[in-house]
């Protein structure tokens, strides 16, 4: 499943002049949550899930 946040981060970095071939990214919110929201009432579920919405960016640069 493609995530919009990770693509937005990549597109921003490319627009800032970073070569796209040195950028890799993964959406890990579902597979590696930082916070469990099991049993959280629906009213506060969105707020509970916010920390899990993150993008990890790796730059593969050789010097």
C-alpha atoms as a PDB file:
ATOM      1  CA  UNK A   1       0.000   0.000   0.000  1.00  0.00           C
ATOM      2  CA  UNK A   2       1.467   3.342  -1.021  1.00  0.00           C
ATOM      3  CA  UNK A   3       1.339   6.075   1.539  1.00  0.00           C
ATOM      4  CA  UNK A   4       0.892   9.722   0.672  1.00  0.00           C
ATOM      5  CA  UNK A   5       3.040  11.115   3.529  1.00  0.00           C
ATOM      6  CA  UNK A   6       6.180   9.259   2.449  1.00  0.00           C
ATOM      7  CA  UNK A   7       5.749  10.286  -1.181  1.00  0.00           C
ATOM      8  CA  UNK A   8       5.187  13.898  -0.097  1.00  0.00           C
ATOM      9  CA  UNK A   9       8.426  13.897   1.905  1.00  0.00           C
ATOM     10  CA  UNK A  10      10.350  12.410  -1.026  1.00  0.00           C
ATOM     11  CA  UNK A  11       8.850  14.908  -3.480  1.00  0.00           C
ATOM     12  CA  UNK A  12       9.743  17.797  -1.181  1.00  0.00           C
ATOM     13  CA  UNK A  13      13.361  16.663  -0.858  1.00  0.00           C
ATOM     14  CA  UNK A  14      13.680  16.237  -4.628  1.00  0.00           C
ATOM     15  CA  UNK A  15      12.213  19.728  -5.127  1.00  0.00           C
ATOM     16  CA  UNK A  16      14.915  21.035  -2.774  1.00  0.00           C
ATOM     17  CA  UNK A  17      17.584  19.636  -5.073  1.00  0.00           C
ATOM     18  CA  UNK A  18      18.350  16.238  -3.535  1.00  0.00           C
ATOM     19  CA  UNK A  19      18.835  13.550  -6.183  1.00  0.00           C
ATOM     20  CA  UNK A  20      15.997  11.041  -6.086  1.00  0.00           C
ATOM     21  CA  UNK A  21      18.368   8.093  -6.515  1.00  0.00           C
ATOM     22  CA  UNK A  22      19.927   8.681  -3.073  1.00  0.00           C
ATOM     23  CA  UNK A  23      16.591   8.791  -1.235  1.00  0.00           C
ATOM     24  CA  UNK A  24      14.815   5.725   0.065  1.00  0.00           C
ATOM     25  CA  UNK A  25      11.786   5.760   2.309  1.00  0.00           C
ATOM     26  CA  UNK A  26       9.359   3.389   3.957  1.00  0.00           C
ATOM     27  CA  UNK A  27       6.006   3.735   5.613  1.00  0.00           C
ATOM     28  CA  UNK A  28       6.154   1.742   8.834  1.00  0.00           C
ATOM     29  CA  UNK A  29       3.162   3.028  10.752  1.00  0.00           C
ATOM     30  CA  UNK A  30       1.181  -0.191  10.454  1.00  0.00           C
ATOM     31  CA  UNK A  31       4.015  -2.702  10.703  1.00  0.00           C
ATOM     32  CA  UNK A  32       6.079  -0.990  13.433  1.00  0.00           C
ATOM     33  CA  UNK A  33       3.790   1.180  15.553  1.00  0.00           C
ATOM     34  CA  UNK A  34       5.412   3.265  18.295  1.00  0.00           C
ATOM     35  CA  UNK A  35       2.173   3.379  20.229  1.00  0.00           C
ATOM     36  CA  UNK A  36      -0.556   0.793  20.707  1.00  0.00           C
ATOM     37  CA  UNK A  37      -4.117   2.054  20.572  1.00  0.00           C
ATOM     38  CA  UNK A  38      -5.848  -1.200  21.337  1.00  0.00           C
ATOM     39  CA  UNK A  39      -8.992  -0.577  23.366  1.00  0.00           C
ATOM     40  CA  UNK A  40      -8.904   3.189  22.887  1.00  0.00           C
ATOM     41  CA  UNK A  41     -12.400   4.654  22.449  1.00  0.00           C
ATOM     42  CA  UNK A  42     -13.279   5.731  18.906  1.00  0.00           C
ATOM     43  CA  UNK A  43     -13.599   9.335  20.075  1.00  0.00           C
ATOM     44  CA  UNK A  44      -9.865   9.548  20.881  1.00  0.00           C
ATOM     45  CA  UNK A  45      -8.513   6.937  18.452  1.00  0.00           C
ATOM     46  CA  UNK A  46      -7.274   9.453  15.870  1.00  0.00           C
ATOM     47  CA  UNK A  47      -5.219  11.323  18.477  1.00  0.00           C
ATOM     48  CA  UNK A  48      -3.797   8.053  19.791  1.00  0.00           C
ATOM     49  CA  UNK A  49      -2.683   6.959  16.314  1.00  0.00           C
ATOM     50  CA  UNK A  50      -0.849  10.206  15.435  1.00  0.00           C
ATOM     51  CA  UNK A  51       2.595   9.102  16.733  1.00  0.00           C
ATOM     52  CA  UNK A  52       2.419   6.094  14.389  1.00  0.00           C
ATOM     53  CA  UNK A  53       2.165   8.364  11.344  1.00  0.00           C
ATOM     54  CA  UNK A  54       5.805   8.891  10.556  1.00  0.00           C
ATOM     55  CA  UNK A  55       8.165   8.584   7.637  1.00  0.00           C
ATOM     56  CA  UNK A  56      11.719   7.269   7.890  1.00  0.00           C
ATOM     57  CA  UNK A  57      14.030   8.697   5.240  1.00  0.00           C
ATOM     58  CA  UNK A  58      17.448   7.293   4.436  1.00  0.00           C
ATOM     59  CA  UNK A  59      20.039   8.986   2.266  1.00  0.00           C
ATOM     60  CA  UNK A  60      22.547   6.712   0.520  1.00  0.00           C
ATOM     61  CA  UNK A  61      25.437   9.083  -0.127  1.00  0.00           C
ATOM     62  CA  UNK A  62      28.982   7.995  -0.836  1.00  0.00           C
ATOM     63  CA  UNK A  63      31.916  10.316  -0.293  1.00  0.00           C
END
